[in-house]
Each structure stands twice: as C-alpha cells, then as structure tokens.
Amino acid sequence: MNINTNIIDFVWNFKNLKLKDFGLDPEYNMLCAPVCECGCGEKMNVLLADDDDIYDFCYELVDTQDCNYCVVFAINEKNEMLGAIKYDGEIHCIKLKNISEDYLQVGGMFNDLELHQYGIIVCVGDGEYKILEE
C-alpha cells in the first residue's frame, strides 16, 4: 500500500487588509508609511525581525504620542496580534494569539476602550510589515 501525502504550507495573506476590515475609521489612524526616497512614490514597509522588534516599534510609537488613549498593533505571520496600548498614560504590551479572521472584533475591542488614535501594521512577508493607512 502506497500512501501519498502532500504537505501544504499555509500562509496568511494580509496584503489587502484595510482599516475598514477592522471597523476602524481612517480619521483616527496615527500612522503614515514613509515614501521611498528614490522618487518612485512607493510606500515603504517596516522591517521587524521578531516579536521583540514588533513590541519595541509599537511601544516607541505610542510612547511618543501626546494622546494618552492610543494603540499600535501588528498582525504577525502567525495571525497573532502584538502591540502596545497607552491607556490613561500607562503603556502596556499586549498579545492575542489565534485571533479570528473576523477582524471587526479587534476594532470593536478598541472602540469599547474609547481609544482616540490607533495604528496597525500587518505582515506581508518575511519580517516585512505594511502600515495600514486607509
């Protein structure tokens, strides 16, 4: 008896996600992707090697905000949400494993917290993260 097995590598595709997929209003987005310096007009992505880099990036962004009710989070290649939230002036790192594909729940959570600003980055490749602007 010959058993044929196929192994399929599953990869989450976040390239087409938008703020509206999270139920979030672009008006309150605090992130803006830098434009390539070569003059081509393309938006640049952020390179983050591991979860520690993600936390550092998110923490730095909320720490430098004057707003005391904001969050920056990333959806990594494992469909986990990692980030930093500043609430009442205190910053906390967060991680949610196995978030559902119903990203509206994430936006609902942030709306329930009555956050004033937010930012989202999503994994689009090996350690490469796209800043969602719309």
N, C-alpha and C. Protein backbone atom coordinates (compact mmCIF):
# COMPACT_ATOMS: atom_id res chain seq x y z
N MET A 1 0.85 -1.18 0.00
CA MET A 1 0.00 0.00 0.00
C MET A 1 0.89 1.24 0.00
N ASN A 2 0.62 2.12 -0.91
CA ASN A 2 1.40 3.35 -1.04
C ASN A 2 0.53 4.53 -0.60
N ILE A 3 1.01 5.23 0.40
CA ILE A 3 0.27 6.40 0.90
C ILE A 3 0.92 7.65 0.35
N ASN A 4 0.13 8.43 -0.31
CA ASN A 4 0.62 9.69 -0.87
C ASN A 4 0.24 10.81 0.08
N THR A 5 1.24 11.50 0.58
CA THR A 5 0.96 12.63 1.48
C THR A 5 1.48 13.91 0.86
N ASN A 6 0.69 14.91 0.96
CA ASN A 6 1.08 16.24 0.50
C ASN A 6 1.08 17.17 1.69
N ILE A 7 2.13 17.93 1.80
CA ILE A 7 2.21 18.92 2.87
C ILE A 7 1.99 20.28 2.25
N ILE A 8 1.08 21.00 2.83
CA ILE A 8 0.75 22.33 2.33
C ILE A 8 1.20 23.36 3.36
N ASP A 9 2.01 24.30 2.93
CA ASP A 9 2.38 25.41 3.81
C ASP A 9 1.29 26.46 3.70
N PHE A 10 0.69 26.77 4.83
CA PHE A 10 -0.37 27.78 4.85
C PHE A 10 0.24 29.10 5.29
N VAL A 11 -0.04 30.14 4.54
CA VAL A 11 0.46 31.47 4.86
C VAL A 11 -0.71 32.43 4.86
N TRP A 12 -0.83 33.20 5.93
CA TRP A 12 -1.87 34.22 5.99
C TRP A 12 -1.53 35.32 4.99
N ASN A 13 -2.53 35.84 4.31
CA ASN A 13 -2.33 36.92 3.34
C ASN A 13 -2.98 38.18 3.88
N PHE A 14 -2.16 39.10 4.34
CA PHE A 14 -2.66 40.34 4.94
C PHE A 14 -2.46 41.55 4.03
N LYS A 15 -1.94 41.35 2.84
CA LYS A 15 -1.58 42.46 1.96
C LYS A 15 -2.75 43.37 1.62
N ASN A 16 -3.95 42.82 1.56
CA ASN A 16 -5.10 43.61 1.13
C ASN A 16 -5.96 44.13 2.28
N LEU A 17 -5.53 43.90 3.52
CA LEU A 17 -6.31 44.39 4.65
C LEU A 17 -6.32 45.91 4.68
N LYS A 18 -7.43 46.46 5.12
CA LYS A 18 -7.59 47.90 5.28
C LYS A 18 -8.16 48.18 6.66
N LEU A 19 -8.08 49.42 7.10
CA LEU A 19 -8.62 49.79 8.41
C LEU A 19 -10.09 49.42 8.52
N LYS A 20 -10.84 49.56 7.43
CA LYS A 20 -12.27 49.26 7.47
C LYS A 20 -12.53 47.79 7.77
N ASP A 21 -11.56 46.91 7.43
CA ASP A 21 -11.71 45.48 7.74
C ASP A 21 -11.72 45.25 9.25
N PHE A 22 -11.18 46.21 9.99
CA PHE A 22 -11.17 46.15 11.45
C PHE A 22 -12.29 47.00 12.05
N GLY A 23 -13.08 47.63 11.19
CA GLY A 23 -14.14 48.50 11.67
C GLY A 23 -13.60 49.80 12.23
N LEU A 24 -12.44 50.22 11.74
CA LEU A 24 -11.79 51.42 12.26
C LEU A 24 -11.84 52.55 11.23
N ASP A 25 -11.96 53.76 11.73
CA ASP A 25 -12.07 54.96 10.91
C ASP A 25 -10.68 55.50 10.60
N PRO A 26 -10.33 55.68 9.33
CA PRO A 26 -9.01 56.21 8.97
C PRO A 26 -8.72 57.59 9.58
N GLU A 27 -9.76 58.32 9.96
CA GLU A 27 -9.57 59.64 10.56
C GLU A 27 -8.75 59.56 11.85
N TYR A 28 -8.84 58.44 12.56
CA TYR A 28 -8.14 58.29 13.84
C TYR A 28 -6.85 57.49 13.72
N ASN A 29 -6.45 57.20 12.48
CA ASN A 29 -5.20 56.48 12.25
C ASN A 29 -4.02 57.40 12.54
N MET A 30 -3.07 56.93 13.33
CA MET A 30 -1.93 57.75 13.70
C MET A 30 -0.66 57.40 12.92
N LEU A 31 -0.73 56.45 11.99
CA LEU A 31 0.46 56.03 11.26
C LEU A 31 0.40 56.46 9.80
N CYS A 32 1.56 56.78 9.28
CA CYS A 32 1.70 57.15 7.88
C CYS A 32 2.98 56.50 7.36
N ALA A 33 2.85 55.69 6.33
CA ALA A 33 4.01 55.00 5.77
C ALA A 33 4.93 56.00 5.08
N PRO A 34 6.23 55.89 5.31
CA PRO A 34 7.16 56.78 4.62
C PRO A 34 7.21 56.46 3.12
N VAL A 35 7.48 57.48 2.33
CA VAL A 35 7.57 57.33 0.88
C VAL A 35 9.04 57.08 0.52
N CYS A 36 9.25 56.19 -0.43
CA CYS A 36 10.60 55.84 -0.87
C CYS A 36 11.35 57.09 -1.31
N GLU A 37 12.61 57.19 -0.89
CA GLU A 37 13.42 58.37 -1.17
C GLU A 37 13.95 58.42 -2.60
N CYS A 38 13.79 57.34 -3.36
CA CYS A 38 14.32 57.32 -4.74
C CYS A 38 13.47 58.15 -5.69
N GLY A 39 12.27 58.54 -5.24
CA GLY A 39 11.40 59.34 -6.09
C GLY A 39 10.34 58.54 -6.82
N CYS A 40 10.27 57.24 -6.58
CA CYS A 40 9.29 56.40 -7.29
C CYS A 40 7.87 56.58 -6.75
N GLY A 41 7.74 57.13 -5.55
CA GLY A 41 6.43 57.36 -4.96
C GLY A 41 5.85 56.19 -4.20
N GLU A 42 6.54 55.05 -4.19
CA GLU A 42 6.07 53.86 -3.47
C GLU A 42 6.17 54.07 -1.96
N LYS A 43 5.21 53.48 -1.25
CA LYS A 43 5.25 53.49 0.21
C LYS A 43 6.22 52.41 0.68
N MET A 44 6.99 52.73 1.72
CA MET A 44 7.94 51.77 2.25
C MET A 44 7.29 50.95 3.36
N ASN A 45 7.79 49.74 3.55
CA ASN A 45 7.36 48.87 4.62
C ASN A 45 8.36 48.93 5.76
N VAL A 46 7.98 48.40 6.90
CA VAL A 46 8.82 48.37 8.09
C VAL A 46 9.41 46.97 8.20
N LEU A 47 10.70 46.87 8.50
CA LEU A 47 11.35 45.57 8.68
C LEU A 47 11.51 45.30 10.17
N LEU A 48 10.89 44.23 10.63
CA LEU A 48 10.93 43.84 12.04
C LEU A 48 11.27 42.36 12.10
N ALA A 49 12.38 42.03 12.75
CA ALA A 49 12.91 40.67 12.71
C ALA A 49 12.14 39.67 13.56
N ASP A 50 11.59 40.12 14.69
CA ASP A 50 10.94 39.17 15.60
C ASP A 50 9.94 39.90 16.48
N ASP A 51 9.32 39.16 17.40
CA ASP A 51 8.30 39.74 18.26
C ASP A 51 8.85 40.89 19.11
N ASP A 52 10.09 40.78 19.57
CA ASP A 52 10.68 41.86 20.36
C ASP A 52 10.77 43.14 19.55
N ASP A 53 11.15 43.03 18.28
CA ASP A 53 11.19 44.21 17.40
C ASP A 53 9.80 44.82 17.23
N ILE A 54 8.80 43.95 17.11
CA ILE A 54 7.42 44.44 16.97
C ILE A 54 7.01 45.22 18.21
N TYR A 55 7.25 44.64 19.38
CA TYR A 55 6.90 45.33 20.63
C TYR A 55 7.65 46.65 20.76
N ASP A 56 8.94 46.66 20.44
CA ASP A 56 9.73 47.90 20.53
C ASP A 56 9.17 48.97 19.60
N PHE A 57 8.85 48.58 18.36
CA PHE A 57 8.30 49.51 17.38
C PHE A 57 6.98 50.10 17.88
N CYS A 58 6.07 49.24 18.31
CA CYS A 58 4.75 49.69 18.77
C CYS A 58 4.87 50.54 20.03
N TYR A 59 5.71 50.11 20.96
CA TYR A 59 5.90 50.85 22.22
C TYR A 59 6.42 52.25 21.93
N GLU A 60 7.43 52.35 21.08
CA GLU A 60 8.02 53.65 20.76
C GLU A 60 6.98 54.59 20.15
N LEU A 61 6.13 54.07 19.28
CA LEU A 61 5.13 54.92 18.64
C LEU A 61 4.08 55.44 19.62
N VAL A 62 3.59 54.60 20.53
CA VAL A 62 2.60 55.10 21.49
C VAL A 62 3.26 55.97 22.55
N ASP A 63 4.52 55.69 22.87
CA ASP A 63 5.23 56.47 23.88
C ASP A 63 5.44 57.91 23.41
N THR A 64 5.66 58.10 22.12
CA THR A 64 5.93 59.45 21.60
C THR A 64 4.65 60.24 21.30
N GLN A 65 3.49 59.61 21.43
CA GLN A 65 2.22 60.29 21.18
C GLN A 65 1.81 61.11 22.40
N ASP A 66 1.30 62.31 22.15
CA ASP A 66 0.76 63.12 23.24
C ASP A 66 -0.53 62.52 23.77
N CYS A 67 -1.24 61.82 22.94
CA CYS A 67 -2.52 61.21 23.32
C CYS A 67 -2.28 60.10 24.35
N ASN A 68 -3.09 60.08 25.40
CA ASN A 68 -2.97 59.07 26.45
C ASN A 68 -3.90 57.88 26.26
N TYR A 69 -4.60 57.82 25.12
CA TYR A 69 -5.52 56.72 24.84
C TYR A 69 -5.32 56.26 23.39
N CYS A 70 -4.25 55.52 23.16
CA CYS A 70 -3.93 55.10 21.80
C CYS A 70 -3.32 53.70 21.80
N VAL A 71 -3.28 53.10 20.63
CA VAL A 71 -2.71 51.76 20.47
C VAL A 71 -2.05 51.65 19.10
N VAL A 72 -0.97 50.90 19.05
CA VAL A 72 -0.37 50.47 17.78
C VAL A 72 -0.18 48.97 17.91
N PHE A 73 -0.67 48.24 16.92
CA PHE A 73 -0.51 46.79 16.97
C PHE A 73 -0.16 46.23 15.61
N ALA A 74 0.37 45.02 15.66
CA ALA A 74 0.78 44.31 14.46
C ALA A 74 0.05 42.98 14.39
N ILE A 75 -0.27 42.56 13.18
CA ILE A 75 -0.73 41.20 12.94
C ILE A 75 0.47 40.49 12.32
N ASN A 76 1.03 39.52 13.06
CA ASN A 76 2.22 38.85 12.56
C ASN A 76 1.87 37.69 11.64
N GLU A 77 2.90 36.99 11.17
CA GLU A 77 2.70 35.91 10.19
C GLU A 77 1.92 34.73 10.75
N LYS A 78 1.77 34.66 12.09
CA LYS A 78 1.01 33.58 12.72
C LYS A 78 -0.42 34.00 13.06
N ASN A 79 -0.83 35.16 12.54
CA ASN A 79 -2.16 35.72 12.81
C ASN A 79 -2.35 36.00 14.30
N GLU A 80 -1.27 36.46 14.93
CA GLU A 80 -1.33 36.91 16.32
C GLU A 80 -1.30 38.43 16.33
N MET A 81 -1.95 39.02 17.31
CA MET A 81 -1.93 40.47 17.45
C MET A 81 -0.97 40.82 18.57
N LEU A 82 0.05 41.62 18.25
CA LEU A 82 1.02 42.08 19.23
C LEU A 82 1.06 43.59 19.16
N GLY A 83 1.29 44.24 20.28
CA GLY A 83 1.39 45.68 20.22
C GLY A 83 1.53 46.33 21.56
N ALA A 84 1.30 47.62 21.57
CA ALA A 84 1.39 48.42 22.79
C ALA A 84 0.19 49.35 22.84
N ILE A 85 -0.38 49.45 24.02
CA ILE A 85 -1.52 50.33 24.24
C ILE A 85 -1.18 51.32 25.35
N LYS A 86 -1.50 52.57 25.10
CA LYS A 86 -1.36 53.60 26.13
C LYS A 86 -2.77 53.95 26.58
N TYR A 87 -3.04 53.67 27.84
CA TYR A 87 -4.37 53.91 28.39
C TYR A 87 -4.21 54.67 29.70
N ASP A 88 -4.79 55.85 29.75
CA ASP A 88 -4.67 56.73 30.91
C ASP A 88 -3.20 57.02 31.22
N GLY A 89 -2.40 57.14 30.15
CA GLY A 89 -0.99 57.49 30.29
C GLY A 89 -0.06 56.33 30.57
N GLU A 90 -0.58 55.15 30.86
CA GLU A 90 0.26 53.98 31.13
C GLU A 90 0.34 53.10 29.88
N ILE A 91 1.54 52.61 29.59
CA ILE A 91 1.74 51.78 28.40
C ILE A 91 1.86 50.31 28.80
N HIS A 92 1.11 49.49 28.09
CA HIS A 92 1.14 48.04 28.32
C HIS A 92 1.33 47.33 26.99
N CYS A 93 2.16 46.29 26.99
CA CYS A 93 2.30 45.46 25.79
C CYS A 93 1.23 44.38 25.82
N ILE A 94 0.69 44.07 24.65
CA ILE A 94 -0.40 43.10 24.56
C ILE A 94 -0.08 42.05 23.50
N LYS A 95 -0.66 40.88 23.70
CA LYS A 95 -0.55 39.81 22.70
C LYS A 95 -1.81 38.98 22.75
N LEU A 96 -2.44 38.82 21.61
CA LEU A 96 -3.60 37.94 21.48
C LEU A 96 -3.25 36.88 20.45
N LYS A 97 -3.29 35.63 20.87
CA LYS A 97 -2.99 34.52 19.97
C LYS A 97 -4.25 34.08 19.25
N ASN A 98 -4.04 33.56 18.05
CA ASN A 98 -5.12 32.96 17.27
C ASN A 98 -6.35 33.86 17.16
N ILE A 99 -6.11 35.12 16.77
CA ILE A 99 -7.27 35.98 16.59
C ILE A 99 -8.07 35.46 15.41
N SER A 100 -9.34 35.67 15.47
CA SER A 100 -10.20 35.14 14.40
C SER A 100 -10.00 35.95 13.13
N GLU A 101 -10.52 35.43 12.04
CA GLU A 101 -10.46 36.18 10.79
C GLU A 101 -11.53 37.27 10.75
N ASP A 102 -12.36 37.33 11.77
CA ASP A 102 -13.34 38.40 11.88
C ASP A 102 -12.66 39.57 12.59
N TYR A 103 -11.90 40.33 11.82
CA TYR A 103 -11.11 41.40 12.39
C TYR A 103 -11.97 42.53 12.94
N LEU A 104 -13.26 42.54 12.63
CA LEU A 104 -14.15 43.54 13.20
C LEU A 104 -14.18 43.44 14.72
N GLN A 105 -13.94 42.24 15.26
CA GLN A 105 -13.89 42.07 16.71
C GLN A 105 -12.75 42.87 17.32
N VAL A 106 -11.63 42.95 16.60
CA VAL A 106 -10.48 43.73 17.08
C VAL A 106 -10.87 45.20 17.15
N GLY A 107 -11.46 45.71 16.08
CA GLY A 107 -11.91 47.10 16.07
C GLY A 107 -12.94 47.37 17.14
N GLY A 108 -13.85 46.43 17.36
CA GLY A 108 -14.85 46.58 18.41
C GLY A 108 -14.22 46.69 19.78
N MET A 109 -13.17 45.91 20.00
CA MET A 109 -12.47 45.97 21.28
C MET A 109 -11.87 47.36 21.49
N PHE A 110 -11.25 47.92 20.44
CA PHE A 110 -10.65 49.24 20.56
C PHE A 110 -11.70 50.32 20.71
N ASN A 111 -12.83 50.17 20.03
CA ASN A 111 -13.92 51.13 20.20
C ASN A 111 -14.48 51.08 21.61
N ASP A 112 -14.60 49.87 22.18
CA ASP A 112 -15.09 49.73 23.55
C ASP A 112 -14.17 50.42 24.55
N LEU A 113 -12.86 50.44 24.25
CA LEU A 113 -11.90 51.11 25.13
C LEU A 113 -11.90 52.62 24.94
N GLU A 114 -12.65 53.10 23.94
CA GLU A 114 -12.75 54.52 23.62
C GLU A 114 -11.38 55.15 23.36
N LEU A 115 -10.59 54.45 22.55
CA LEU A 115 -9.27 54.96 22.19
C LEU A 115 -9.42 56.12 21.21
N HIS A 116 -8.52 57.09 21.31
CA HIS A 116 -8.58 58.28 20.47
C HIS A 116 -7.82 58.11 19.16
N GLN A 117 -6.77 57.28 19.18
CA GLN A 117 -5.94 57.06 18.00
C GLN A 117 -5.49 55.61 17.96
N TYR A 118 -5.19 55.14 16.75
CA TYR A 118 -4.68 53.78 16.62
C TYR A 118 -3.86 53.67 15.35
N GLY A 119 -3.08 52.60 15.30
CA GLY A 119 -2.29 52.29 14.13
C GLY A 119 -2.14 50.79 14.00
N ILE A 120 -2.09 50.32 12.77
CA ILE A 120 -2.00 48.89 12.51
C ILE A 120 -0.91 48.64 11.47
N ILE A 121 -0.08 47.64 11.74
CA ILE A 121 0.85 47.14 10.74
C ILE A 121 0.56 45.65 10.56
N VAL A 122 0.73 45.17 9.34
CA VAL A 122 0.44 43.76 9.05
C VAL A 122 1.61 43.13 8.31
N CYS A 123 1.87 41.87 8.61
CA CYS A 123 2.96 41.14 7.99
C CYS A 123 2.63 40.86 6.52
N VAL A 124 3.54 41.24 5.63
CA VAL A 124 3.34 40.99 4.20
C VAL A 124 4.47 40.14 3.62
N GLY A 125 5.34 39.67 4.47
CA GLY A 125 6.46 38.85 4.01
C GLY A 125 7.38 38.55 5.17
N ASP A 126 8.50 37.98 4.89
CA ASP A 126 9.45 37.57 5.91
C ASP A 126 9.99 38.78 6.68
N GLY A 127 9.38 39.09 7.81
CA GLY A 127 9.81 40.21 8.64
C GLY A 127 9.46 41.57 8.08
N GLU A 128 8.62 41.61 7.07
CA GLU A 128 8.24 42.88 6.42
C GLU A 128 6.80 43.21 6.77
N TYR A 129 6.59 44.45 7.24
CA TYR A 129 5.27 44.88 7.71
C TYR A 129 4.81 46.12 6.96
N LYS A 130 3.56 46.07 6.53
CA LYS A 130 2.93 47.18 5.83
C LYS A 130 2.14 48.01 6.84
N ILE A 131 2.26 49.32 6.75
CA ILE A 131 1.48 50.24 7.58
C ILE A 131 0.15 50.47 6.88
N LEU A 132 -0.94 50.17 7.60
CA LEU A 132 -2.27 50.42 7.03
C LEU A 132 -2.61 51.89 7.20
N GLU A 133 -2.94 52.54 6.08
CA GLU A 133 -3.25 53.96 6.12
C GLU A 133 -4.70 54.25 5.76
N GLU A 134 -5.36 53.32 5.14
CA GLU A 134 -6.75 53.57 4.71
C GLU A 134 -7.62 52.40 5.08
